[in-house]
Protein backbone atom coordinates (compact mmCIF):
# COMPACT_ATOMS: atom_id res chain seq x y z
CA MET A 1 85.53 100.06 117.26
CA LEU A 2 87.95 102.36 116.24
CA GLN A 3 86.93 106.05 117.34
CA ILE A 4 88.82 108.84 115.85
CA ARG A 5 88.15 112.32 117.12
CA SER A 6 89.16 115.73 116.19
CA LEU A 7 92.32 114.37 114.39
CA SER A 8 94.24 117.02 112.71
CA LYS A 9 97.66 117.39 110.92
CA THR A 10 99.51 120.48 109.35
CA TYR A 11 102.71 119.97 107.46
CA PRO A 12 105.42 122.55 107.62
CA GLY A 13 104.44 125.25 104.87
CA GLY A 14 100.77 125.30 105.99
CA VAL A 15 99.35 122.41 104.29
CA GLU A 16 96.42 120.99 106.46
CA ALA A 17 96.46 117.30 105.60
CA LEU A 18 93.65 116.50 108.29
CA ARG A 19 91.29 119.02 109.79
CA ASP A 20 89.42 117.66 113.00
CA VAL A 21 88.47 114.26 111.32
CA ASP A 22 86.12 112.39 113.44
CA LEU A 23 85.17 108.82 112.26
CA ASP A 24 83.68 105.72 113.92
CA ILE A 25 84.97 102.52 112.07
CA PRO A 26 83.64 99.28 113.24
CA ALA A 27 85.00 95.72 112.71
CA GLY A 28 85.06 94.46 109.25
CA MET A 29 85.82 96.38 105.94
CA PHE A 30 85.91 100.16 106.13
CA GLY A 31 86.50 101.98 103.33
CA LEU A 32 88.13 105.35 102.89
CA LEU A 33 87.37 107.11 99.79
CA GLY A 34 89.06 110.20 98.47
CA PRO A 35 91.12 111.96 95.62
CA ASN A 36 94.94 112.32 95.59
CA GLY A 37 95.85 114.86 98.31
CA ALA A 38 92.69 114.25 100.23
CA GLY A 39 94.56 113.30 103.55
CA LYS A 40 93.93 109.54 103.48
CA SER A 41 97.63 108.41 103.37
CA THR A 42 98.36 111.11 106.20
CA LEU A 43 95.52 109.39 108.22
CA MET A 44 97.00 105.82 107.62
CA ARG A 45 100.52 106.63 108.48
CA THR A 46 99.19 108.10 111.78
CA LEU A 47 97.11 105.17 112.53
CA ALA A 48 100.08 103.28 111.72
CA THR A 49 102.31 105.17 114.40
CA LEU A 50 104.54 106.38 111.51
CA GLN A 51 103.92 110.01 112.21
CA ASP A 52 102.35 112.03 114.83
CA ALA A 53 99.09 114.22 114.70
CA ASP A 54 98.97 117.72 115.72
CA ALA A 55 95.92 117.18 117.85
CA GLY A 56 92.98 114.65 118.41
CA SER A 57 92.58 111.37 119.42
CA ALA A 58 92.31 107.60 118.22
CA ARG A 59 90.98 104.66 120.33
CA LEU A 60 90.61 101.08 119.55
CA GLY A 61 88.81 99.89 122.59
CA ASP A 62 90.76 100.71 125.51
CA LEU A 63 93.95 101.15 123.53
CA ASP A 64 95.29 104.68 122.88
CA VAL A 65 96.39 104.27 119.37
CA LEU A 66 98.13 107.66 119.20
CA GLY A 67 99.64 107.67 122.73
CA ASP A 68 100.62 103.54 123.05
CA LYS A 69 102.68 102.90 119.87
CA PRO A 70 104.55 100.05 121.10
CA ARG A 71 101.33 98.22 121.66
CA VAL A 72 99.50 99.32 118.64
CA ARG A 73 102.61 98.10 116.54
CA GLU A 74 101.82 94.54 118.29
CA ILE A 75 98.30 94.28 117.11
CA LEU A 76 98.74 96.35 113.62
CA GLY A 77 98.86 94.75 110.07
CA TYR A 78 99.93 97.53 107.67
CA LEU A 79 100.24 97.37 103.97
CA PRO A 80 101.38 100.91 102.53
CA GLN A 81 100.97 102.14 99.16
CA ASP A 82 104.58 101.56 98.08
CA PHE A 83 105.34 98.09 99.63
CA GLY A 84 108.72 97.14 98.83
CA VAL A 85 110.36 93.75 98.80
CA TYR A 86 113.72 92.31 98.51
CA PRO A 87 113.87 90.94 94.98
CA LYS A 88 116.67 88.32 95.52
CA ILE A 89 114.82 86.50 98.76
CA THR A 90 112.27 84.05 98.25
CA ALA A 91 108.62 84.47 99.57
CA TYR A 92 108.98 81.94 102.29
CA ALA A 93 112.37 83.31 103.62
CA LEU A 94 111.24 87.01 103.57
CA LEU A 95 108.00 86.20 105.34
CA ASP A 96 109.78 84.23 107.89
CA HIS A 97 112.27 87.01 108.55
CA PHE A 98 109.23 89.24 109.01
CA ALA A 99 107.52 86.90 111.30
CA VAL A 100 110.63 86.96 113.60
CA LEU A 101 110.32 90.95 113.56
CA LYS A 102 106.79 90.62 114.71
CA GLY A 103 107.74 88.72 117.69
CA LEU A 104 107.14 85.02 116.59
CA VAL A 105 110.50 83.70 118.03
CA ASP A 106 109.15 80.07 118.63
CA ALA A 107 110.28 78.02 115.56
CA ALA A 108 107.29 75.55 115.35
CA ALA A 109 104.73 78.34 115.84
CA ARG A 110 106.64 80.63 113.36
CA ARG A 111 106.73 77.97 110.62
CA ASP A 112 102.79 77.11 111.16
CA ALA A 113 102.06 80.90 110.76
CA VAL A 114 103.90 81.40 107.74
CA GLU A 115 102.77 78.21 106.09
CA ARG A 116 99.16 79.21 106.91
CA LEU A 117 99.65 82.66 105.49
CA LEU A 118 101.15 81.76 102.24
CA GLN A 119 98.35 79.12 101.69
CA LEU A 120 95.65 81.78 102.43
CA VAL A 121 97.15 84.24 99.84
CA ASN A 122 97.89 81.56 97.41
CA LEU A 123 101.53 81.80 97.29
CA TRP A 124 102.38 78.41 98.65
CA PRO A 125 103.11 76.65 95.32
CA VAL A 126 105.56 79.73 94.73
CA ARG A 127 107.13 79.85 98.18
CA ASP A 128 110.51 79.19 96.90
CA ARG A 129 110.47 81.88 94.16
CA LYS A 130 112.48 84.79 94.55
CA LEU A 131 110.30 87.96 95.02
CA GLY A 132 111.77 89.89 92.13
CA THR A 133 110.00 87.41 89.76
CA PHE A 134 106.51 88.05 91.08
CA SER A 135 103.91 89.88 89.46
CA GLY A 136 102.51 93.03 90.81
CA GLY A 137 99.54 91.16 92.10
CA MET A 138 101.76 88.37 93.56
CA ARG A 139 103.54 91.16 95.46
CA GLN A 140 100.48 92.65 96.77
CA ARG A 141 99.40 89.20 98.04
CA PHE A 142 102.64 88.75 99.78
CA GLY A 143 102.09 92.27 101.17
CA ILE A 144 98.73 91.13 102.76
CA ALA A 145 100.40 87.91 104.27
CA GLN A 146 103.03 90.04 106.30
CA ALA A 147 100.28 92.53 107.24
CA LEU A 148 98.47 89.45 108.84
CA LEU A 149 101.37 88.19 110.60
CA GLY A 150 100.61 87.95 114.52
CA GLU A 151 96.85 87.89 113.97
CA PRO A 152 96.19 91.70 114.03
CA ARG A 153 93.34 93.45 115.57
CA LEU A 154 94.01 96.43 113.24
CA VAL A 155 94.63 96.13 109.46
CA ILE A 156 95.35 99.09 107.21
CA VAL A 157 95.85 98.85 103.46
CA ASP A 158 96.60 101.92 101.37
CA GLU A 159 96.02 102.10 97.67
CA PRO A 160 96.29 98.14 97.54
CA THR A 161 94.86 97.56 93.98
CA ALA A 162 96.59 100.61 92.17
CA GLY A 163 98.32 99.00 89.08
CA LEU A 164 96.82 95.76 89.23
CA ASP A 165 95.13 93.98 86.12
CA PRO A 166 91.36 93.25 86.55
CA GLN A 167 92.25 89.48 87.43
CA GLU A 168 94.83 90.22 90.00
CA ARG A 169 92.43 93.19 91.31
CA ASN A 170 89.52 90.48 91.92
CA ARG A 171 91.72 88.05 93.52
CA PHE A 172 93.28 90.73 96.02
CA LEU A 173 89.77 91.96 96.64
CA ASP A 174 88.51 88.49 97.46
CA LEU A 175 91.31 87.90 99.83
CA LEU A 176 90.64 91.25 101.61
CA SER A 177 86.91 90.17 102.14
CA ALA A 178 88.13 86.91 103.78
CA ILE A 179 90.07 88.29 106.50
CA GLY A 180 87.27 88.31 108.95
CA GLU A 181 84.70 90.49 110.66
CA ALA A 182 86.37 90.57 114.09
CA VAL A 183 89.27 92.52 112.75
CA VAL A 184 88.88 96.36 111.72
CA VAL A 185 90.35 96.64 108.07
CA ILE A 186 90.62 99.94 106.74
CA LEU A 187 90.88 100.35 103.00
CA SER A 188 91.98 103.54 101.67
CA THR A 189 91.50 104.03 97.98
CA HIS A 190 90.42 106.60 95.41
CA ILE A 191 88.63 103.72 93.61
CA VAL A 192 84.93 103.76 94.15
CA GLU A 193 84.34 99.99 92.90
CA ASP A 194 86.65 98.65 95.51
CA VAL A 195 84.62 100.22 98.28
CA ARG A 196 81.42 99.33 96.68
CA ASP A 197 82.31 95.68 96.32
CA LEU A 198 83.92 95.38 99.67
CA CYS A 199 82.85 97.72 102.56
CA SER A 200 79.84 98.03 104.68
CA ARG A 201 80.66 101.12 105.94
CA MET A 202 82.78 103.98 104.54
CA ALA A 203 83.79 107.45 104.58
CA ILE A 204 84.76 110.09 101.92
CA LEU A 205 87.56 112.37 102.61
CA ALA A 206 88.83 115.49 100.64
CA GLY A 207 90.86 118.59 101.70
CA GLY A 208 91.76 116.88 105.13
CA ARG A 209 87.85 116.80 106.07
CA VAL A 210 85.33 114.02 106.13
CA LEU A 211 82.83 114.80 103.61
CA GLU A 212 80.45 111.78 104.15
CA GLN A 213 80.15 108.52 106.36
CA GLY A 214 77.84 105.84 106.40
CA ALA A 215 76.87 102.44 104.78
CA PRO A 216 77.22 102.75 101.05
CA HIS A 217 73.54 101.63 100.61
CA GLU A 218 72.45 104.42 102.74
CA LEU A 219 74.64 107.23 101.20
CA ILE A 220 73.17 105.95 97.66
CA ASP A 221 69.68 106.03 98.99
CA GLY A 222 70.21 109.98 100.07
CA LEU A 223 70.54 110.83 96.33
CA ARG A 224 67.68 108.52 95.27
CA GLY A 225 65.29 111.06 93.53
CA ARG A 226 67.74 113.64 93.13
CA THR A 227 69.93 112.28 90.54
CA TRP A 228 69.20 113.08 86.74
CA ARG A 229 70.92 111.90 83.63
CA ARG A 230 70.81 113.29 79.80
CA VAL A 231 73.10 112.45 76.83
CA VAL A 232 73.99 115.59 74.66
CA ASP A 233 76.59 116.28 72.05
CA ALA A 234 80.02 117.83 73.28
CA ASP A 235 79.26 121.60 72.82
CA GLU A 236 75.84 121.09 74.85
CA ALA A 237 77.93 119.32 77.67
CA ALA A 238 80.17 122.20 77.91
CA ARG A 239 77.10 124.74 77.96
CA LEU A 240 75.36 122.60 80.59
CA ALA A 241 78.29 122.20 82.68
CA GLY A 242 78.43 126.12 83.16
CA GLU A 243 74.81 126.09 84.22
CA LEU A 244 74.31 122.87 86.40
CA PRO A 245 75.82 121.14 89.09
CA VAL A 246 77.07 118.39 86.82
CA ILE A 247 78.85 115.57 88.97
CA SER A 248 79.99 113.23 86.24
CA ASP A 249 80.47 113.95 82.46
CA ARG A 250 81.49 110.70 80.36
CA LEU A 251 81.66 109.28 76.88
CA TYR A 252 78.71 107.25 75.80
CA ALA A 253 78.22 106.04 72.05
CA GLY A 254 80.30 108.87 71.02
CA ARG A 255 78.50 111.66 72.79
CA ARG A 256 78.45 112.60 76.62
CA ALA A 257 76.21 111.20 79.58
CA LEU A 258 75.70 113.81 82.12
CA HIS A 259 74.74 113.23 85.90
CA VAL A 260 73.23 116.17 87.75
CA VAL A 261 72.19 116.19 91.32
CA ALA A 262 69.19 118.52 91.60
CA GLU A 263 66.03 118.60 93.63
CA THR A 264 63.88 118.92 90.62
CA ALA A 265 64.80 117.43 86.92
CA PRO A 266 66.32 119.96 84.77
CA GLU A 267 64.88 120.63 81.37
CA GLY A 268 65.70 117.78 79.17
CA PHE A 269 66.95 115.26 81.90
CA ASP A 270 65.46 112.06 83.23
CA ALA A 271 65.62 110.30 86.28
CA ALA A 272 68.66 108.27 87.00
CA ASP A 273 69.34 105.38 89.66
CA PRO A 274 71.91 106.83 91.75
CA SER A 275 75.53 104.92 92.21
CA LEU A 276 78.17 105.22 95.02
CA GLU A 277 80.06 107.33 92.04
CA ASP A 278 77.34 109.81 92.15
CA VAL A 279 77.59 110.13 96.03
CA TYR A 280 81.53 110.66 95.72
CA PHE A 281 81.18 113.15 92.95
CA SER A 282 78.47 114.75 94.41
CA ALA A 283 80.38 115.15 97.72
CA LEU A 284 83.35 116.51 96.16
CA LEU A 285 81.37 118.98 94.06
CA GLN A 286 79.46 120.23 97.31
CA ALA A 287 82.80 120.53 99.18
CA GLY A 288 84.23 122.52 96.24
CA ALA A 289 81.32 124.88 96.22
CA THR A 290 81.42 125.42 100.09
CA GLU A 291 85.40 126.32 99.97
CA ALA A 292 84.71 128.65 97.00
CA GLN A 293 81.88 130.53 99.33
CA ALA A 294 84.32 130.58 102.30
CA ASP A 295 87.26 132.01 100.15
CA ALA A 296 84.76 134.71 98.68
CA ALA A 297 83.47 135.74 102.22
């Protein structure tokens, strides 16, 4: 269990990237959802020992994640959002190099680890190809292979499916789900479907604050009986958006399908089964309303 308490970070200029973040992250896949600028990457970089927090704590069992950086790096696997590779080096050669940096100095043990990981991520048949010839999805799978070197206890992946085509995205998600339940795996993303498909626990972050956390199905159940839908023309959609707490507005057969969260059905709206996307947008809407009230006070 990774326990994060009162974690805060303010950048020069006064930008509060993290504000008293509290999270309990068990072993298995944990989804961290939020829009761009929510503070997700700041949280990931802090846990990955790449920057310091201003206040707070993070513990993985008996390990002080913020205070014992050398030990954290021994048990950490990290795939950042922008994972660069050396284009003129083969997949095998670069992964072998990363294995040396990770401390796998025994040649036989290192060879076994490199071969096992390349097979796990389905890159063994192309192990002698230069990385510059790889597709985006193949590079991401290579990134996960390097993140799994040394059998880490904490794996952090930041926006791993951004820019992947649907087939590569599915392959990558299947790979993440196979990592195992004994490892804490944090998946940071703004793609709701990735969290819905993979994670047993999740949190929604915006403005550096935790808005919601729990099991996806429990958060969805919290909106049951309070989510409503209506299909209208564009002009009517604009009017209703100014009158009701509309959480989503999308095209539907040339018209607009609106979802609203309310205790009772607004006029003309029918009951809708809530989704994780409804949970996400409802949390963001409520957070925006709270911020507006605070600014006005």
